[in-house]
Amino acid sequence: MSQYYVYILASQSRTLYVGMTKDLARRLYEHRTRHASSAFTAQYEVRRLVYYEVAANPYAAIAREKELKVWTRARKLQLIESMNPGWEDLAIGLGLVEKEG
């Protein structure tokens, strides 16, 4: 059974981006290298994984992504800080990417 991910990326200035994917490692690579990435994440250098959750199927992931996208910024910040109070790049701890620079 496949897993799907809903994730939040942040820039150094804490600009946020909400997305979903089936392959979190590949999608993070795309955001970080600007390959097939969104113009928004490239423009604002939004590439640190600060929150993620697993969904059982694509329908649940899409629904959750849509839900998070309409949340207020304050509510998104609260969600991030419930899992990641230090705003660490979770992708490094998961072994999905290497630490930058």
N, C-alpha and C. Protein backbone atom coordinates (compact mmCIF):
# COMPACT_ATOMS: atom_id res chain seq x y z
N MET A 1 0.84 -1.19 0.00
CA MET A 1 0.00 0.00 0.00
C MET A 1 0.88 1.25 0.00
N SER A 2 0.56 2.19 -0.85
CA SER A 2 1.33 3.42 -0.98
C SER A 2 0.97 4.39 0.13
N GLN A 3 1.95 5.22 0.45
CA GLN A 3 1.71 6.30 1.40
C GLN A 3 1.77 7.61 0.65
N TYR A 4 1.03 8.56 1.12
CA TYR A 4 1.04 9.90 0.56
C TYR A 4 1.35 10.86 1.69
N TYR A 5 1.95 11.98 1.33
CA TYR A 5 2.40 12.93 2.34
C TYR A 5 1.80 14.31 2.08
N VAL A 6 1.42 14.95 3.16
CA VAL A 6 1.06 16.36 3.15
C VAL A 6 2.18 17.04 3.92
N TYR A 7 2.71 18.11 3.37
CA TYR A 7 3.89 18.71 3.99
C TYR A 7 3.81 20.22 3.97
N ILE A 8 4.59 20.81 4.87
CA ILE A 8 4.75 22.26 4.89
C ILE A 8 6.23 22.56 4.82
N LEU A 9 6.59 23.40 3.87
CA LEU A 9 7.96 23.89 3.74
C LEU A 9 8.00 25.32 4.23
N ALA A 10 9.18 25.74 4.66
CA ALA A 10 9.36 27.12 5.12
C ALA A 10 10.68 27.67 4.61
N SER A 11 10.71 28.97 4.43
CA SER A 11 11.95 29.66 4.10
C SER A 11 12.61 30.09 5.42
N GLN A 12 13.77 30.68 5.31
CA GLN A 12 14.44 31.20 6.51
C GLN A 12 13.59 32.27 7.19
N SER A 13 12.84 33.04 6.40
CA SER A 13 11.99 34.09 6.96
C SER A 13 10.60 33.57 7.32
N ARG A 14 10.42 32.25 7.23
CA ARG A 14 9.19 31.56 7.60
C ARG A 14 8.02 31.82 6.65
N THR A 15 8.32 32.04 5.40
CA THR A 15 7.29 31.99 4.37
C THR A 15 6.91 30.52 4.23
N LEU A 16 5.62 30.22 4.15
CA LEU A 16 5.16 28.83 4.16
C LEU A 16 4.61 28.39 2.81
N TYR A 17 4.74 27.09 2.56
CA TYR A 17 4.19 26.45 1.37
C TYR A 17 3.61 25.11 1.80
N VAL A 18 2.38 24.81 1.41
CA VAL A 18 1.72 23.55 1.72
C VAL A 18 1.61 22.74 0.44
N GLY A 19 1.99 21.46 0.51
CA GLY A 19 1.89 20.60 -0.66
C GLY A 19 1.58 19.18 -0.28
N MET A 20 1.43 18.33 -1.30
CA MET A 20 1.23 16.89 -1.09
C MET A 20 1.97 16.14 -2.16
N THR A 21 2.37 14.92 -1.83
CA THR A 21 3.12 14.10 -2.78
C THR A 21 3.06 12.64 -2.39
N LYS A 22 3.37 11.79 -3.33
CA LYS A 22 3.51 10.37 -3.06
C LYS A 22 4.96 10.04 -2.70
N ASP A 23 5.88 10.84 -3.20
CA ASP A 23 7.31 10.59 -3.01
C ASP A 23 7.94 11.83 -2.38
N LEU A 24 8.02 11.83 -1.07
CA LEU A 24 8.49 13.01 -0.34
C LEU A 24 9.95 13.34 -0.67
N ALA A 25 10.81 12.34 -0.76
CA ALA A 25 12.22 12.60 -1.07
C ALA A 25 12.38 13.25 -2.44
N ARG A 26 11.68 12.73 -3.44
CA ARG A 26 11.76 13.29 -4.78
C ARG A 26 11.23 14.72 -4.81
N ARG A 27 10.12 14.94 -4.14
CA ARG A 27 9.51 16.28 -4.15
C ARG A 27 10.39 17.30 -3.45
N LEU A 28 11.02 16.91 -2.35
CA LEU A 28 11.93 17.82 -1.67
C LEU A 28 13.13 18.14 -2.56
N TYR A 29 13.63 17.14 -3.26
CA TYR A 29 14.73 17.36 -4.20
C TYR A 29 14.32 18.39 -5.26
N GLU A 30 13.12 18.23 -5.78
CA GLU A 30 12.62 19.17 -6.79
C GLU A 30 12.53 20.59 -6.24
N HIS A 31 12.02 20.72 -5.02
CA HIS A 31 11.93 22.07 -4.43
C HIS A 31 13.32 22.66 -4.21
N ARG A 32 14.23 21.86 -3.74
CA ARG A 32 15.56 22.36 -3.42
C ARG A 32 16.40 22.68 -4.64
N THR A 33 16.19 21.97 -5.72
CA THR A 33 16.98 22.20 -6.93
C THR A 33 16.22 23.01 -7.97
N ARG A 34 14.98 23.33 -7.66
CA ARG A 34 14.10 24.10 -8.55
C ARG A 34 13.78 23.33 -9.83
N HIS A 35 13.92 22.02 -9.80
CA HIS A 35 13.51 21.16 -10.92
C HIS A 35 12.01 20.91 -10.82
N ALA A 36 11.27 21.29 -11.78
CA ALA A 36 9.81 21.07 -11.82
C ALA A 36 9.14 21.55 -10.54
N SER A 37 9.73 22.52 -9.91
CA SER A 37 9.21 23.03 -8.66
C SER A 37 8.28 24.20 -8.93
N SER A 38 7.57 24.59 -7.92
CA SER A 38 6.68 25.74 -8.10
C SER A 38 7.50 27.02 -8.16
N ALA A 39 7.01 27.97 -8.91
CA ALA A 39 7.67 29.26 -9.01
C ALA A 39 7.71 29.95 -7.65
N PHE A 40 6.65 29.74 -6.86
CA PHE A 40 6.57 30.35 -5.54
C PHE A 40 7.72 29.89 -4.64
N THR A 41 7.94 28.57 -4.56
CA THR A 41 9.00 28.07 -3.68
C THR A 41 10.38 28.49 -4.17
N ALA A 42 10.55 28.57 -5.48
CA ALA A 42 11.83 29.02 -6.02
C ALA A 42 12.06 30.50 -5.71
N GLN A 43 11.05 31.32 -5.93
CA GLN A 43 11.19 32.77 -5.72
C GLN A 43 11.49 33.11 -4.27
N TYR A 44 10.81 32.43 -3.34
CA TYR A 44 10.96 32.75 -1.93
C TYR A 44 11.90 31.81 -1.17
N GLU A 45 12.58 30.92 -1.90
CA GLU A 45 13.53 29.97 -1.32
C GLU A 45 12.90 29.17 -0.18
N VAL A 46 11.71 28.66 -0.45
CA VAL A 46 10.97 27.87 0.52
C VAL A 46 11.35 26.42 0.30
N ARG A 47 12.22 25.87 1.16
CA ARG A 47 12.68 24.50 0.92
C ARG A 47 12.96 23.67 2.16
N ARG A 48 12.78 24.22 3.34
CA ARG A 48 13.00 23.43 4.57
C ARG A 48 11.70 22.73 4.96
N LEU A 49 11.76 21.43 5.15
CA LEU A 49 10.60 20.66 5.58
C LEU A 49 10.40 20.89 7.08
N VAL A 50 9.31 21.56 7.44
CA VAL A 50 9.07 21.85 8.85
C VAL A 50 7.90 21.08 9.43
N TYR A 51 7.11 20.44 8.55
CA TYR A 51 5.97 19.65 9.02
C TYR A 51 5.59 18.67 7.92
N TYR A 52 5.18 17.49 8.34
CA TYR A 52 4.62 16.54 7.39
C TYR A 52 3.70 15.58 8.13
N GLU A 53 2.81 14.98 7.38
CA GLU A 53 1.96 13.92 7.92
C GLU A 53 1.70 12.93 6.80
N VAL A 54 1.36 11.71 7.18
CA VAL A 54 1.12 10.64 6.22
C VAL A 54 -0.38 10.46 6.03
N ALA A 55 -0.77 10.26 4.79
CA ALA A 55 -2.17 9.96 4.46
C ALA A 55 -2.22 8.59 3.79
N ALA A 56 -3.29 7.88 4.01
CA ALA A 56 -3.40 6.51 3.52
C ALA A 56 -3.65 6.41 2.02
N ASN A 57 -4.20 7.47 1.44
CA ASN A 57 -4.52 7.42 0.01
C ASN A 57 -4.47 8.83 -0.57
N PRO A 58 -4.46 8.94 -1.89
CA PRO A 58 -4.33 10.28 -2.49
C PRO A 58 -5.52 11.18 -2.20
N TYR A 59 -6.69 10.60 -2.05
CA TYR A 59 -7.89 11.43 -1.78
C TYR A 59 -7.79 12.09 -0.40
N ALA A 60 -7.32 11.32 0.57
CA ALA A 60 -7.15 11.88 1.92
C ALA A 60 -6.06 12.95 1.92
N ALA A 61 -4.99 12.72 1.17
CA ALA A 61 -3.89 13.69 1.11
C ALA A 61 -4.35 14.99 0.45
N ILE A 62 -5.07 14.86 -0.64
CA ILE A 62 -5.56 16.06 -1.33
C ILE A 62 -6.53 16.84 -0.45
N ALA A 63 -7.42 16.13 0.22
CA ALA A 63 -8.38 16.80 1.11
C ALA A 63 -7.66 17.52 2.24
N ARG A 64 -6.65 16.88 2.82
CA ARG A 64 -5.91 17.50 3.93
C ARG A 64 -5.11 18.70 3.43
N GLU A 65 -4.49 18.58 2.27
CA GLU A 65 -3.75 19.70 1.70
C GLU A 65 -4.68 20.91 1.51
N LYS A 66 -5.85 20.67 0.94
CA LYS A 66 -6.81 21.75 0.74
C LYS A 66 -7.24 22.36 2.06
N GLU A 67 -7.42 21.51 3.07
CA GLU A 67 -7.81 21.99 4.40
C GLU A 67 -6.73 22.91 4.98
N LEU A 68 -5.47 22.46 4.93
CA LEU A 68 -4.39 23.26 5.50
C LEU A 68 -4.18 24.57 4.75
N LYS A 69 -4.37 24.55 3.45
CA LYS A 69 -4.16 25.76 2.66
C LYS A 69 -5.10 26.89 3.04
N VAL A 70 -6.28 26.58 3.53
CA VAL A 70 -7.21 27.65 3.90
C VAL A 70 -7.11 28.04 5.38
N TRP A 71 -6.29 27.34 6.13
CA TRP A 71 -6.09 27.72 7.53
C TRP A 71 -5.42 29.07 7.60
N THR A 72 -5.62 29.76 8.70
CA THR A 72 -4.91 31.01 8.93
C THR A 72 -3.43 30.71 9.16
N ARG A 73 -2.63 31.72 8.96
CA ARG A 73 -1.19 31.55 9.21
C ARG A 73 -0.94 31.14 10.66
N ALA A 74 -1.65 31.75 11.58
CA ALA A 74 -1.48 31.45 13.01
C ALA A 74 -1.76 29.97 13.29
N ARG A 75 -2.77 29.45 12.67
CA ARG A 75 -3.11 28.03 12.89
C ARG A 75 -2.06 27.11 12.29
N LYS A 76 -1.52 27.48 11.13
CA LYS A 76 -0.43 26.69 10.52
C LYS A 76 0.81 26.72 11.41
N LEU A 77 1.13 27.89 11.95
CA LEU A 77 2.29 28.01 12.84
C LEU A 77 2.11 27.13 14.07
N GLN A 78 0.92 27.11 14.60
CA GLN A 78 0.64 26.27 15.77
C GLN A 78 0.82 24.79 15.42
N LEU A 79 0.36 24.38 14.25
CA LEU A 79 0.52 23.00 13.81
C LEU A 79 2.00 22.64 13.67
N ILE A 80 2.75 23.51 13.02
CA ILE A 80 4.19 23.26 12.84
C ILE A 80 4.87 23.13 14.20
N GLU A 81 4.59 24.06 15.09
CA GLU A 81 5.27 24.08 16.39
C GLU A 81 4.85 22.93 17.29
N SER A 82 3.69 22.32 17.02
CA SER A 82 3.29 21.13 17.80
C SER A 82 4.18 19.93 17.47
N MET A 83 4.70 19.89 16.26
CA MET A 83 5.57 18.78 15.84
C MET A 83 7.03 19.18 15.84
N ASN A 84 7.31 20.44 15.59
CA ASN A 84 8.67 20.89 15.34
C ASN A 84 8.88 22.28 15.96
N PRO A 85 8.94 22.36 17.29
CA PRO A 85 9.04 23.68 17.94
C PRO A 85 10.30 24.47 17.58
N GLY A 86 11.36 23.79 17.17
CA GLY A 86 12.59 24.49 16.80
C GLY A 86 12.70 24.81 15.33
N TRP A 87 11.67 24.51 14.58
CA TRP A 87 11.65 24.76 13.14
C TRP A 87 12.85 24.13 12.44
N GLU A 88 13.23 22.95 12.90
CA GLU A 88 14.34 22.24 12.27
C GLU A 88 13.93 21.73 10.90
N ASP A 89 14.91 21.48 10.03
CA ASP A 89 14.62 20.89 8.73
C ASP A 89 14.45 19.39 8.94
N LEU A 90 13.22 18.93 8.98
CA LEU A 90 12.92 17.53 9.28
C LEU A 90 13.45 16.58 8.21
N ALA A 91 13.66 17.08 7.00
CA ALA A 91 14.17 16.23 5.92
C ALA A 91 15.56 15.71 6.24
N ILE A 92 16.35 16.48 6.95
CA ILE A 92 17.70 16.05 7.33
C ILE A 92 17.61 14.89 8.31
N GLY A 93 16.80 15.03 9.34
CA GLY A 93 16.64 13.97 10.33
C GLY A 93 16.04 12.70 9.75
N LEU A 94 15.22 12.83 8.71
CA LEU A 94 14.63 11.67 8.05
C LEU A 94 15.59 11.04 7.05
N GLY A 95 16.73 11.68 6.82
CA GLY A 95 17.70 11.18 5.85
C GLY A 95 17.28 11.38 4.40
N LEU A 96 16.38 12.32 4.16
CA LEU A 96 15.89 12.56 2.80
C LEU A 96 16.78 13.53 2.03
N VAL A 97 17.49 14.38 2.73
CA VAL A 97 18.41 15.33 2.11
C VAL A 97 19.61 15.51 3.03
N GLU A 98 20.66 16.05 2.47
CA GLU A 98 21.84 16.37 3.28
C GLU A 98 21.73 17.81 3.75
N LYS A 99 22.40 18.08 4.86
CA LYS A 99 22.40 19.44 5.40
C LYS A 99 23.08 20.39 4.42
N GLU A 100 22.45 21.55 4.21
CA GLU A 100 22.99 22.53 3.29
C GLU A 100 24.12 23.32 3.92
N GLY A 101 25.07 23.66 3.08
CA GLY A 101 26.13 24.52 3.33
C GLY A 101 26.87 24.64 4.52
